[in-house]
Amino acid sequence: MENSKFGNLLNQVTSQTPKGVTQKVSKSKAKKSEPQAQLSFYLDKGLFKKLKMKAVEKDTSIKEIMHECITQYLNKKQ
């Protein structure tokens, strides 16, 4: 009996089409010849949500947005 319940649930899930926006995953546009470092930091939840939405809107990754922002900040004349 448990197998039939699981089978029914599996059929329901696989027959449904996902709803909502799905972000396309693509390779990073950053230069591959440069070694990369991993960063870890805390960010306000509201700001992070806006960042994720902007990445989806621009069809890019959060990594690419951060790379661009940091590069612009470092190249800015003081």
C-alpha atoms as a PDB file:
ATOM      1  CA  MET A   1       0.000   0.000   0.000  1.00  0.00           C
ATOM      2  CA  GLU A   2       2.862   2.406   0.813  1.00  0.00           C
ATOM      3  CA  ASN A   3       4.417   1.786  -2.621  1.00  0.00           C
ATOM      4  CA  SER A   4       1.187   2.725  -4.405  1.00  0.00           C
ATOM      5  CA  LYS A   5       0.906   5.964  -2.389  1.00  0.00           C
ATOM      6  CA  PHE A   6       4.497   6.825  -3.234  1.00  0.00           C
ATOM      7  CA  GLY A   7       3.923   5.917  -6.892  1.00  0.00           C
ATOM      8  CA  ASN A   8       0.848   8.147  -7.035  1.00  0.00           C
ATOM      9  CA  LEU A   9       2.751  11.028  -5.462  1.00  0.00           C
ATOM     10  CA  LEU A  10       5.666  10.527  -7.847  1.00  0.00           C
ATOM     11  CA  ASN A  11       3.317  10.549 -10.837  1.00  0.00           C
ATOM     12  CA  GLN A  12       1.670  13.765  -9.632  1.00  0.00           C
ATOM     13  CA  VAL A  13       4.990  15.537  -9.171  1.00  0.00           C
ATOM     14  CA  THR A  14       6.497  14.448 -12.488  1.00  0.00           C
ATOM     15  CA  SER A  15       3.349  15.292 -14.464  1.00  0.00           C
ATOM     16  CA  GLN A  16       3.220  18.890 -13.231  1.00  0.00           C
ATOM     17  CA  THR A  17       5.128  21.668 -14.961  1.00  0.00           C
ATOM     18  CA  PRO A  18       7.097  24.014 -12.702  1.00  0.00           C
ATOM     19  CA  LYS A  19       5.581  27.445 -12.083  1.00  0.00           C
ATOM     20  CA  GLY A  20       7.541  30.654 -11.829  1.00  0.00           C
ATOM     21  CA  VAL A  21      10.824  31.978 -13.136  1.00  0.00           C
ATOM     22  CA  THR A  22      13.778  29.654 -13.556  1.00  0.00           C
ATOM     23  CA  GLN A  23      17.200  31.270 -13.768  1.00  0.00           C
ATOM     24  CA  LYS A  24      19.458  30.029 -16.544  1.00  0.00           C
ATOM     25  CA  VAL A  25      22.775  28.674 -15.248  1.00  0.00           C
ATOM     26  CA  SER A  26      25.779  29.566 -17.366  1.00  0.00           C
ATOM     27  CA  LYS A  27      29.534  29.586 -17.092  1.00  0.00           C
ATOM     28  CA  SER A  28      31.226  32.606 -15.541  1.00  0.00           C
ATOM     29  CA  LYS A  29      32.393  35.350 -17.897  1.00  0.00           C
ATOM     30  CA  ALA A  30      35.365  36.139 -15.658  1.00  0.00           C
ATOM     31  CA  LYS A  31      38.818  35.554 -17.086  1.00  0.00           C
ATOM     32  CA  LYS A  32      39.720  31.905 -16.639  1.00  0.00           C
ATOM     33  CA  SER A  33      43.476  32.568 -16.561  1.00  0.00           C
ATOM     34  CA  GLU A  34      43.254  34.412 -13.238  1.00  0.00           C
ATOM     35  CA  PRO A  35      43.252  32.358 -10.032  1.00  0.00           C
ATOM     36  CA  GLN A  36      40.072  32.841  -8.035  1.00  0.00           C
ATOM     37  CA  ALA A  37      39.505  33.305  -4.314  1.00  0.00           C
ATOM     38  CA  GLN A  38      36.372  32.397  -2.380  1.00  0.00           C
ATOM     39  CA  LEU A  39      34.688  35.073  -0.259  1.00  0.00           C
ATOM     40  CA  SER A  40      32.256  34.656   2.586  1.00  0.00           C
ATOM     41  CA  PHE A  41      30.424  37.544   4.238  1.00  0.00           C
ATOM     42  CA  TYR A  42      27.074  38.535   5.689  1.00  0.00           C
ATOM     43  CA  LEU A  43      24.677  40.746   3.775  1.00  0.00           C
ATOM     44  CA  ASP A  44      21.351  42.275   4.809  1.00  0.00           C
ATOM     45  CA  LYS A  45      18.553  39.907   3.707  1.00  0.00           C
ATOM     46  CA  GLY A  46      16.637  42.663   1.929  1.00  0.00           C
ATOM     47  CA  LEU A  47      19.709  43.754   0.001  1.00  0.00           C
ATOM     48  CA  PHE A  48      20.511  40.157  -0.928  1.00  0.00           C
ATOM     49  CA  LYS A  49      16.956  39.638  -2.191  1.00  0.00           C
ATOM     50  CA  LYS A  50      17.256  42.745  -4.399  1.00  0.00           C
ATOM     51  CA  LEU A  51      20.615  41.479  -5.674  1.00  0.00           C
ATOM     52  CA  LYS A  52      19.121  38.086  -6.605  1.00  0.00           C
ATOM     53  CA  MET A  53      16.198  39.751  -8.374  1.00  0.00           C
ATOM     54  CA  LYS A  54      18.553  42.007 -10.347  1.00  0.00           C
ATOM     55  CA  ALA A  55      20.645  38.997 -11.384  1.00  0.00           C
ATOM     56  CA  VAL A  56      17.536  37.233 -12.702  1.00  0.00           C
ATOM     57  CA  GLU A  57      16.341  40.418 -14.412  1.00  0.00           C
ATOM     58  CA  LYS A  58      19.718  40.921 -16.144  1.00  0.00           C
ATOM     59  CA  ASP A  59      20.118  37.175 -16.894  1.00  0.00           C
ATOM     60  CA  THR A  60      23.453  37.067 -15.101  1.00  0.00           C
ATOM     61  CA  SER A  61      24.900  35.676 -11.874  1.00  0.00           C
ATOM     62  CA  ILE A  62      25.420  37.286  -8.490  1.00  0.00           C
ATOM     63  CA  LYS A  63      29.118  36.506  -8.928  1.00  0.00           C
ATOM     64  CA  GLU A  64      29.260  38.538 -12.141  1.00  0.00           C
ATOM     65  CA  ILE A  65      27.463  41.484 -10.540  1.00  0.00           C
ATOM     66  CA  MET A  66      29.807  41.421  -7.526  1.00  0.00           C
ATOM     67  CA  HIS A  67      32.872  41.139  -9.794  1.00  0.00           C
ATOM     68  CA  GLU A  68      31.706  44.152 -11.816  1.00  0.00           C
ATOM     69  CA  CYS A  69      30.920  46.225  -8.702  1.00  0.00           C
ATOM     70  CA  ILE A  70      34.234  45.477  -7.011  1.00  0.00           C
ATOM     71  CA  THR A  71      36.170  46.216 -10.212  1.00  0.00           C
ATOM     72  CA  GLN A  72      34.371  49.559 -10.634  1.00  0.00           C
ATOM     73  CA  TYR A  73      34.985  50.435  -6.981  1.00  0.00           C
ATOM     74  CA  LEU A  74      38.699  49.665  -7.215  1.00  0.00           C
ATOM     75  CA  ASN A  75      39.102  51.569 -10.512  1.00  0.00           C
ATOM     76  CA  LYS A  76      37.254  54.634  -9.181  1.00  0.00           C
ATOM     77  CA  LYS A  77      39.483  57.658  -8.831  1.00  0.00           C
ATOM     78  CA  GLN A  78      39.777  58.755  -5.219  1.00  0.00           C
END
